Amino acid sequence: MSINTKKRGNSFTRAFAVVGAAIAVSAAVENRRRPAGRDLETLGIDRDAFNRIL
C-alpha cells in the first residue's frame, strides 16, 4: 500500500467520523439532550462553551 493510499484512507475515515459526530450532536440537540463530549471534540467544539449555550 502506498503512502497516498494510506493518506486517502485516513481522509475518508476522518470524514466519516466528522459526519457521524455531526449527526449525533444534531440528534442530541433536537431531543434536548447533551451531546457526547467525544462528538463535540470530533467537530472541534469546546464542551464548556457548548454547555453554556444549552
C-alpha atoms as a PDB file:
ATOM      1  CA  MET A   1       0.000   0.000   0.000  1.00  0.00           C
ATOM      2  CA  SER A   2       1.476   3.333  -0.980  1.00  0.00           C
ATOM      3  CA  ILE A   3       1.611   6.407   1.207  1.00  0.00           C
ATOM      4  CA  ASN A   4      -1.024   8.134  -0.950  1.00  0.00           C
ATOM      5  CA  THR A   5      -3.443   5.261  -0.436  1.00  0.00           C
ATOM      6  CA  LYS A   6      -2.918   5.354   3.326  1.00  0.00           C
ATOM      7  CA  LYS A   7      -3.398   9.105   3.393  1.00  0.00           C
ATOM      8  CA  ARG A   8      -6.590   8.834   1.345  1.00  0.00           C
ATOM      9  CA  GLY A   9      -7.913   6.153   3.683  1.00  0.00           C
ATOM     10  CA  ASN A  10      -7.286   8.380   6.671  1.00  0.00           C
ATOM     11  CA  SER A  11      -9.118  11.233   4.974  1.00  0.00           C
ATOM     12  CA  PHE A  12     -12.157   9.075   4.329  1.00  0.00           C
ATOM     13  CA  THR A  13     -12.081   7.724   7.872  1.00  0.00           C
ATOM     14  CA  ARG A  14     -11.892  11.242   9.264  1.00  0.00           C
ATOM     15  CA  ALA A  15     -14.718  12.418   7.002  1.00  0.00           C
ATOM     16  CA  PHE A  16     -16.994   9.615   8.172  1.00  0.00           C
ATOM     17  CA  ALA A  17     -16.101  10.369  11.809  1.00  0.00           C
ATOM     18  CA  VAL A  18     -16.993  14.039  11.340  1.00  0.00           C
ATOM     19  CA  VAL A  19     -20.287  13.268   9.598  1.00  0.00           C
ATOM     20  CA  GLY A  20     -21.194  10.707  12.270  1.00  0.00           C
ATOM     21  CA  ALA A  21     -20.383  13.164  15.054  1.00  0.00           C
ATOM     22  CA  ALA A  22     -22.424  15.900  13.366  1.00  0.00           C
ATOM     23  CA  ILE A  23     -25.418  13.582  13.113  1.00  0.00           C
ATOM     24  CA  ALA A  24     -25.056  12.508  16.748  1.00  0.00           C
ATOM     25  CA  VAL A  25     -24.779  16.094  18.021  1.00  0.00           C
ATOM     26  CA  SER A  26     -27.699  17.188  15.877  1.00  0.00           C
ATOM     27  CA  ALA A  27     -29.886  14.362  17.173  1.00  0.00           C
ATOM     28  CA  ALA A  28     -28.918  15.094  20.776  1.00  0.00           C
ATOM     29  CA  VAL A  29     -29.760  18.789  20.466  1.00  0.00           C
ATOM     30  CA  GLU A  30     -33.010  18.040  18.691  1.00  0.00           C
ATOM     31  CA  ASN A  31     -34.025  15.713  21.531  1.00  0.00           C
ATOM     32  CA  ARG A  32     -32.918  18.260  24.145  1.00  0.00           C
ATOM     33  CA  ARG A  33     -30.032  16.112  25.415  1.00  0.00           C
ATOM     34  CA  ARG A  34     -26.388  16.957  25.911  1.00  0.00           C
ATOM     35  CA  PRO A  35     -24.245  15.584  23.104  1.00  0.00           C
ATOM     36  CA  ALA A  36     -21.350  13.293  23.931  1.00  0.00           C
ATOM     37  CA  GLY A  37     -18.120  15.146  24.588  1.00  0.00           C
ATOM     38  CA  ARG A  38     -16.338  12.849  22.140  1.00  0.00           C
ATOM     39  CA  ASP A  39     -18.633  14.003  19.337  1.00  0.00           C
ATOM     40  CA  LEU A  40     -18.115  17.662  20.207  1.00  0.00           C
ATOM     41  CA  GLU A  41     -14.349  17.156  20.226  1.00  0.00           C
ATOM     42  CA  THR A  42     -14.501  15.460  16.828  1.00  0.00           C
ATOM     43  CA  LEU A  43     -16.250  18.543  15.478  1.00  0.00           C
ATOM     44  CA  GLY A  44     -13.768  20.885  17.170  1.00  0.00           C
ATOM     45  CA  ILE A  45     -16.360  22.357  19.534  1.00  0.00           C
ATOM     46  CA  ASP A  46     -15.357  23.241  23.089  1.00  0.00           C
ATOM     47  CA  ARG A  47     -17.532  21.285  25.551  1.00  0.00           C
ATOM     48  CA  ASP A  48     -17.737  24.091  28.110  1.00  0.00           C
ATOM     49  CA  ALA A  49     -18.704  26.675  25.523  1.00  0.00           C
ATOM     50  CA  PHE A  50     -21.363  24.377  24.104  1.00  0.00           C
ATOM     51  CA  ASN A  51     -22.768  23.650  27.572  1.00  0.00           C
ATOM     52  CA  ARG A  52     -23.141  27.389  28.233  1.00  0.00           C
ATOM     53  CA  ILE A  53     -25.369  27.620  25.157  1.00  0.00           C
ATOM     54  CA  LEU A  54     -27.693  24.911  26.419  1.00  0.00           C
END
